[in-house]
């Protein structure tokens, strides 16, 4: 898939990864509650696993 759709899927995937990493630092700094943290982590997980399977090729995995 070498279309603009692939780039959109990659952007959504990386945004999901950011939602999985950044909130941890915000909780550590006391800027975010644990409840919001859990919601953001679930959203990030769903974004990553829901989109990455469509653009990661099997031959690139090892």
PDB file of N, CA and C in Angstrom:
ATOM      1  N   UNK A   1       0.849  -1.173   0.000  1.00  0.00           N
ATOM      2  CA  UNK A   1       0.000   0.000   0.000  1.00  0.00           C
ATOM      3  C   UNK A   1       0.896   1.237   0.000  1.00  0.00           C
ATOM      4  N   UNK A   2       1.017   1.892  -1.111  1.00  0.00           N
ATOM      5  CA  UNK A   2       1.829   3.103  -1.244  1.00  0.00           C
ATOM      6  C   UNK A   2       0.940   4.286  -1.593  1.00  0.00           C
ATOM      7  N   UNK A   3      -0.112   4.419  -0.874  1.00  0.00           N
ATOM      8  CA  UNK A   3      -1.080   5.484  -1.140  1.00  0.00           C
ATOM      9  C   UNK A   3      -1.104   6.452   0.034  1.00  0.00           C
ATOM     10  N   UNK A   4      -1.790   7.576  -0.140  1.00  0.00           N
ATOM     11  CA  UNK A   4      -1.946   8.485   1.005  1.00  0.00           C
ATOM     12  C   UNK A   4      -2.631   7.813   2.194  1.00  0.00           C
ATOM     13  N   UNK A   5      -3.415   6.784   1.939  1.00  0.00           N
ATOM     14  CA  UNK A   5      -4.062   6.056   3.024  1.00  0.00           C
ATOM     15  C   UNK A   5      -3.063   5.422   3.974  1.00  0.00           C
ATOM     16  N   UNK A   6      -1.953   4.943   3.416  1.00  0.00           N
ATOM     17  CA  UNK A   6      -0.910   4.353   4.257  1.00  0.00           C
ATOM     18  C   UNK A   6      -0.323   5.396   5.195  1.00  0.00           C
ATOM     19  N   UNK A   7      -0.112   6.592   4.704  1.00  0.00           N
ATOM     20  CA  UNK A   7       0.448   7.665   5.536  1.00  0.00           C
ATOM     21  C   UNK A   7      -0.534   8.078   6.626  1.00  0.00           C
ATOM     22  N   UNK A   8      -1.798   8.050   6.312  1.00  0.00           N
ATOM     23  CA  UNK A   8      -2.814   8.369   7.328  1.00  0.00           C
ATOM     24  C   UNK A   8      -2.819   7.292   8.406  1.00  0.00           C
ATOM     25  N   UNK A   9      -2.757   6.021   7.986  1.00  0.00           N
ATOM     26  CA  UNK A   9      -2.710   4.928   8.959  1.00  0.00           C
ATOM     27  C   UNK A   9      -1.469   5.020   9.843  1.00  0.00           C
ATOM     28  N   UNK A  10      -0.343   5.371   9.248  1.00  0.00           N
ATOM     29  CA  UNK A  10       0.879   5.515  10.035  1.00  0.00           C
ATOM     30  C   UNK A  10       0.766   6.664  11.024  1.00  0.00           C
ATOM     31  N   UNK A  11       0.173   7.766  10.604  1.00  0.00           N
ATOM     32  CA  UNK A  11       0.005   8.907  11.505  1.00  0.00           C
ATOM     33  C   UNK A  11      -0.889   8.539  12.691  1.00  0.00           C
ATOM     34  N   UNK A  12      -1.976   7.829  12.415  1.00  0.00           N
ATOM     35  CA  UNK A  12      -2.876   7.410  13.496  1.00  0.00           C
ATOM     36  C   UNK A  12      -2.159   6.420  14.415  1.00  0.00           C
ATOM     37  N   UNK A  13      -1.371   5.522  13.837  1.00  0.00           N
ATOM     38  CA  UNK A  13      -0.626   4.551  14.644  1.00  0.00           C
ATOM     39  C   UNK A  13       0.358   5.242  15.577  1.00  0.00           C
ATOM     40  N   UNK A  14       1.111   6.188  15.046  1.00  0.00           N
ATOM     41  CA  UNK A  14       2.103   6.874  15.876  1.00  0.00           C
ATOM     42  C   UNK A  14       1.436   7.787  16.904  1.00  0.00           C
ATOM     43  N   UNK A  15       0.283   8.324  16.584  1.00  0.00           N
ATOM     44  CA  UNK A  15      -0.470   9.089  17.585  1.00  0.00           C
ATOM     45  C   UNK A  15      -0.917   8.160  18.717  1.00  0.00           C
ATOM     46  N   UNK A  16      -1.293   6.940  18.364  1.00  0.00           N
ATOM     47  CA  UNK A  16      -1.645   5.955  19.385  1.00  0.00           C
ATOM     48  C   UNK A  16      -0.472   5.606  20.274  1.00  0.00           C
ATOM     49  N   UNK A  17       0.708   5.479  19.676  1.00  0.00           N
ATOM     50  CA  UNK A  17       1.899   5.225  20.486  1.00  0.00           C
ATOM     51  C   UNK A  17       2.196   6.396  21.418  1.00  0.00           C
ATOM     52  N   UNK A  18       2.000   7.601  20.915  1.00  0.00           N
ATOM     53  CA  UNK A  18       2.218   8.781  21.765  1.00  0.00           C
ATOM     54  C   UNK A  18       1.236   8.789  22.935  1.00  0.00           C
ATOM     55  N   UNK A  19      -0.008   8.364  22.671  1.00  0.00           N
ATOM     56  CA  UNK A  19      -1.002   8.291  23.754  1.00  0.00           C
ATOM     57  C   UNK A  19      -0.664   7.192  24.753  1.00  0.00           C
ATOM     58  N   UNK A  20       0.189   6.282  24.368  1.00  0.00           N
ATOM     59  CA  UNK A  20       0.604   5.227  25.287  1.00  0.00           C
ATOM     60  C   UNK A  20       1.830   5.620  26.099  1.00  0.00           C
ATOM     61  N   UNK A  21       2.601   6.583  25.634  1.00  0.00           N
ATOM     62  CA  UNK A  21       3.851   6.937  26.307  1.00  0.00           C
ATOM     63  C   UNK A  21       3.744   8.238  27.091  1.00  0.00           C
ATOM     64  N   UNK A  22       3.245   9.273  26.477  1.00  0.00           N
ATOM     65  CA  UNK A  22       3.231  10.612  27.083  1.00  0.00           C
ATOM     66  C   UNK A  22       2.426  10.667  28.386  1.00  0.00           C
ATOM     67  N   UNK A  23       1.237  10.045  28.467  1.00  0.00           N
ATOM     68  CA  UNK A  23       0.485  10.123  29.730  1.00  0.00           C
ATOM     69  C   UNK A  23       1.228   9.556  30.934  1.00  0.00           C
ATOM     70  N   UNK A  24       2.106   8.574  30.719  1.00  0.00           N
ATOM     71  CA  UNK A  24       2.867   8.027  31.843  1.00  0.00           C
ATOM     72  C   UNK A  24       3.736   9.103  32.484  1.00  0.00           C
ATOM     73  N   UNK A  25       4.350   9.931  31.672  1.00  0.00           N
ATOM     74  CA  UNK A  25       5.175  11.010  32.210  1.00  0.00           C
ATOM     75  C   UNK A  25       4.319  12.078  32.894  1.00  0.00           C
ATOM     76  N   UNK A  26       3.126  12.310  32.363  1.00  0.00           N
ATOM     77  CA  UNK A  26       2.234  13.300  32.971  1.00  0.00           C
ATOM     78  C   UNK A  26       1.732  12.831  34.332  1.00  0.00           C
ATOM     79  N   UNK A  27       1.459  11.536  34.468  1.00  0.00           N
ATOM     80  CA  UNK A  27       1.053  10.991  35.770  1.00  0.00           C
ATOM     81  C   UNK A  27       2.218  11.080  36.743  1.00  0.00           C
ATOM     82  N   UNK A  28       3.408  10.749  36.280  1.00  0.00           N
ATOM     83  CA  UNK A  28       4.591  10.821  37.135  1.00  0.00           C
ATOM     84  C   UNK A  28       4.821  12.246  37.629  1.00  0.00           C
ATOM     85  N   UNK A  29       4.539  13.225  36.776  1.00  0.00           N
ATOM     86  CA  UNK A  29       4.710  14.618  37.169  1.00  0.00           C
ATOM     87  C   UNK A  29       3.544  15.180  37.956  1.00  0.00           C
ATOM     88  N   UNK A  30       2.496  14.381  38.149  1.00  0.00           N
ATOM     89  CA  UNK A  30       1.348  14.825  38.928  1.00  0.00           C
ATOM     90  C   UNK A  30       0.391  15.713  38.163  1.00  0.00           C
ATOM     91  N   UNK A  31       0.478  15.710  36.841  1.00  0.00           N
ATOM     92  CA  UNK A  31      -0.386  16.568  36.025  1.00  0.00           C
ATOM     93  C   UNK A  31      -1.633  15.862  35.509  1.00  0.00           C
ATOM     94  N   UNK A  32      -1.718  14.552  35.742  1.00  0.00           N
ATOM     95  CA  UNK A  32      -2.810  13.761  35.184  1.00  0.00           C
ATOM     96  C   UNK A  32      -3.268  12.752  36.219  1.00  0.00           C
ATOM     97  N   UNK A  33      -4.578  12.550  36.312  1.00  0.00           N
ATOM     98  CA  UNK A  33      -5.089  11.557  37.259  1.00  0.00           C
ATOM     99  C   UNK A  33      -4.966  10.156  36.663  1.00  0.00           C
ATOM    100  N   UNK A  34      -5.011   9.162  37.525  1.00  0.00           N
ATOM    101  CA  UNK A  34      -4.879   7.780  37.072  1.00  0.00           C
ATOM    102  C   UNK A  34      -6.058   7.366  36.195  1.00  0.00           C
ATOM    103  N   UNK A  35      -7.242   7.863  36.487  1.00  0.00           N
ATOM    104  CA  UNK A  35      -8.416   7.495  35.693  1.00  0.00           C
ATOM    105  C   UNK A  35      -8.273   7.981  34.250  1.00  0.00           C
ATOM    106  N   UNK A  36      -7.866   9.217  34.079  1.00  0.00           N
ATOM    107  CA  UNK A  36      -7.662   9.758  32.732  1.00  0.00           C
ATOM    108  C   UNK A  36      -6.509   9.022  32.054  1.00  0.00           C
ATOM    109  N   UNK A  37      -5.480   8.713  32.813  1.00  0.00           N
ATOM    110  CA  UNK A  37      -4.338   7.967  32.293  1.00  0.00           C
ATOM    111  C   UNK A  37      -4.775   6.633  31.706  1.00  0.00           C
ATOM    112  N   UNK A  38      -5.610   5.902  32.438  1.00  0.00           N
ATOM    113  CA  UNK A  38      -6.076   4.607  31.949  1.00  0.00           C
ATOM    114  C   UNK A  38      -6.898   4.761  30.672  1.00  0.00           C
ATOM    115  N   UNK A  39      -7.727   5.779  30.599  1.00  0.00           N
ATOM    116  CA  UNK A  39      -8.532   6.005  29.394  1.00  0.00           C
ATOM    117  C   UNK A  39      -7.645   6.340  28.195  1.00  0.00           C
ATOM    118  N   UNK A  40      -6.632   7.159  28.420  1.00  0.00           N
ATOM    119  CA  UNK A  40      -5.726   7.507  27.322  1.00  0.00           C
ATOM    120  C   UNK A  40      -4.916   6.299  26.872  1.00  0.00           C
ATOM    121  N   UNK A  41      -4.513   5.464  27.805  1.00  0.00           N
ATOM    122  CA  UNK A  41      -3.760   4.264  27.452  1.00  0.00           C
ATOM    123  C   UNK A  41      -4.606   3.307  26.619  1.00  0.00           C
ATOM    124  N   UNK A  42      -5.853   3.138  26.978  1.00  0.00           N
ATOM    125  CA  UNK A  42      -6.743   2.264  26.204  1.00  0.00           C
ATOM    126  C   UNK A  42      -6.965   2.841  24.814  1.00  0.00           C
ATOM    127  N   UNK A  43      -7.184   4.142  24.722  1.00  0.00           N
ATOM    128  CA  UNK A  43      -7.371   4.773  23.416  1.00  0.00           C
ATOM    129  C   UNK A  43      -6.123   4.609  22.555  1.00  0.00           C
ATOM    130  N   UNK A  44      -4.947   4.812  23.135  1.00  0.00           N
ATOM    131  CA  UNK A  44      -3.703   4.647  22.394  1.00  0.00           C
ATOM    132  C   UNK A  44      -3.498   3.217  21.924  1.00  0.00           C
ATOM    133  N   UNK A  45      -3.810   2.264  22.785  1.00  0.00           N
ATOM    134  CA  UNK A  45      -3.677   0.858  22.420  1.00  0.00           C
ATOM    135  C   UNK A  45      -4.591   0.502  21.256  1.00  0.00           C
ATOM    136  N   UNK A  46      -5.839   0.953  21.335  1.00  0.00           N
ATOM    137  CA  UNK A  46      -6.783   0.662  20.263  1.00  0.00           C
ATOM    138  C   UNK A  46      -6.370   1.323  18.946  1.00  0.00           C
ATOM    139  N   UNK A  47      -5.857   2.539  19.047  1.00  0.00           N
ATOM    140  CA  UNK A  47      -5.397   3.231  17.835  1.00  0.00           C
ATOM    141  C   UNK A  47      -4.223   2.492  17.209  1.00  0.00           C
ATOM    142  N   UNK A  48      -3.257   2.078  18.019  1.00  0.00           N
ATOM    143  CA  UNK A  48      -2.075   1.399  17.488  1.00  0.00           C
ATOM    144  C   UNK A  48      -2.451   0.053  16.874  1.00  0.00           C
ATOM    145  N   UNK A  49      -3.096  -0.813  17.661  1.00  0.00           N
ATOM    146  CA  UNK A  49      -3.394  -2.151  17.174  1.00  0.00           C
ATOM    147  C   UNK A  49      -4.476  -2.156  16.098  1.00  0.00           C
ATOM    148  N   UNK A  50      -5.303  -1.122  16.074  1.00  0.00           N
ATOM    149  CA  UNK A  50      -6.345  -1.050  15.046  1.00  0.00           C
ATOM    150  C   UNK A  50      -5.839  -0.578  13.693  1.00  0.00           C
ATOM    151  N   UNK A  51      -4.687   0.072  13.658  1.00  0.00           N
ATOM    152  CA  UNK A  51      -4.198   0.599  12.389  1.00  0.00           C
ATOM    153  C   UNK A  51      -2.864   0.007  11.944  1.00  0.00           C
ATOM    154  N   UNK A  52      -2.014  -0.369  12.875  1.00  0.00           N
ATOM    155  CA  UNK A  52      -0.675  -0.845  12.505  1.00  0.00           C
ATOM    156  C   UNK A  52      -0.716  -2.136  11.692  1.00  0.00           C
ATOM    157  N   UNK A  53      -1.722  -2.969  11.914  1.00  0.00           N
ATOM    158  CA  UNK A  53      -1.790  -4.240  11.195  1.00  0.00           C
ATOM    159  C   UNK A  53      -2.007  -4.046   9.699  1.00  0.00           C
ATOM    160  N   UNK A  54      -2.447  -2.876   9.303  1.00  0.00           N
ATOM    161  CA  UNK A  54      -2.713  -2.636   7.889  1.00  0.00           C
ATOM    162  C   UNK A  54      -1.514  -2.096   7.124  1.00  0.00           C
ATOM    163  N   UNK A  55      -0.503  -1.573   7.804  1.00  0.00           N
ATOM    164  CA  UNK A  55       0.617  -1.001   7.071  1.00  0.00           C
ATOM    165  C   UNK A  55       1.972  -1.631   7.374  1.00  0.00           C
ATOM    166  N   UNK A  56       2.069  -2.448   8.422  1.00  0.00           N
ATOM    167  CA  UNK A  56       3.322  -3.144   8.701  1.00  0.00           C
ATOM    168  C   UNK A  56       3.346  -4.431   7.870  1.00  0.00           C
ATOM    169  N   UNK A  57       4.370  -4.569   7.036  1.00  0.00           N
ATOM    170  CA  UNK A  57       4.478  -5.742   6.172  1.00  0.00           C
ATOM    171  C   UNK A  57       5.120  -6.902   6.921  1.00  0.00           C
ATOM    172  N   UNK A  58       4.728  -8.091   6.576  1.00  0.00           N
ATOM    173  CA  UNK A  58       5.283  -9.276   7.216  1.00  0.00           C
ATOM    174  C   UNK A  58       6.767  -9.434   6.929  1.00  0.00           C
ATOM    175  N   UNK A  59       7.226  -9.076   5.751  1.00  0.00           N
ATOM    176  CA  UNK A  59       8.636  -9.253   5.416  1.00  0.00           C
ATOM    177  C   UNK A  59       9.539  -8.276   6.158  1.00  0.00           C
ATOM    178  N   UNK A  60       9.003  -7.219   6.751  1.00  0.00           N
ATOM    179  CA  UNK A  60       9.802  -6.267   7.513  1.00  0.00           C
ATOM    180  C   UNK A  60       9.944  -6.662   8.980  1.00  0.00           C
ATOM    181  N   UNK A  61       9.255  -7.696   9.392  1.00  0.00           N
ATOM    182  CA  UNK A  61       9.243  -8.066  10.806  1.00  0.00           C
ATOM    183  C   UNK A  61      10.395  -8.988  11.201  1.00  0.00           C
ATOM    184  N   UNK A  62      11.169  -9.434  10.290  1.00  0.00           N
ATOM    185  CA  UNK A  62      12.309 -10.230  10.706  1.00  0.00           C
ATOM    186  C   UNK A  62      12.573 -11.314   9.774  1.00  0.00           C
TER     187      UNK A  62
END
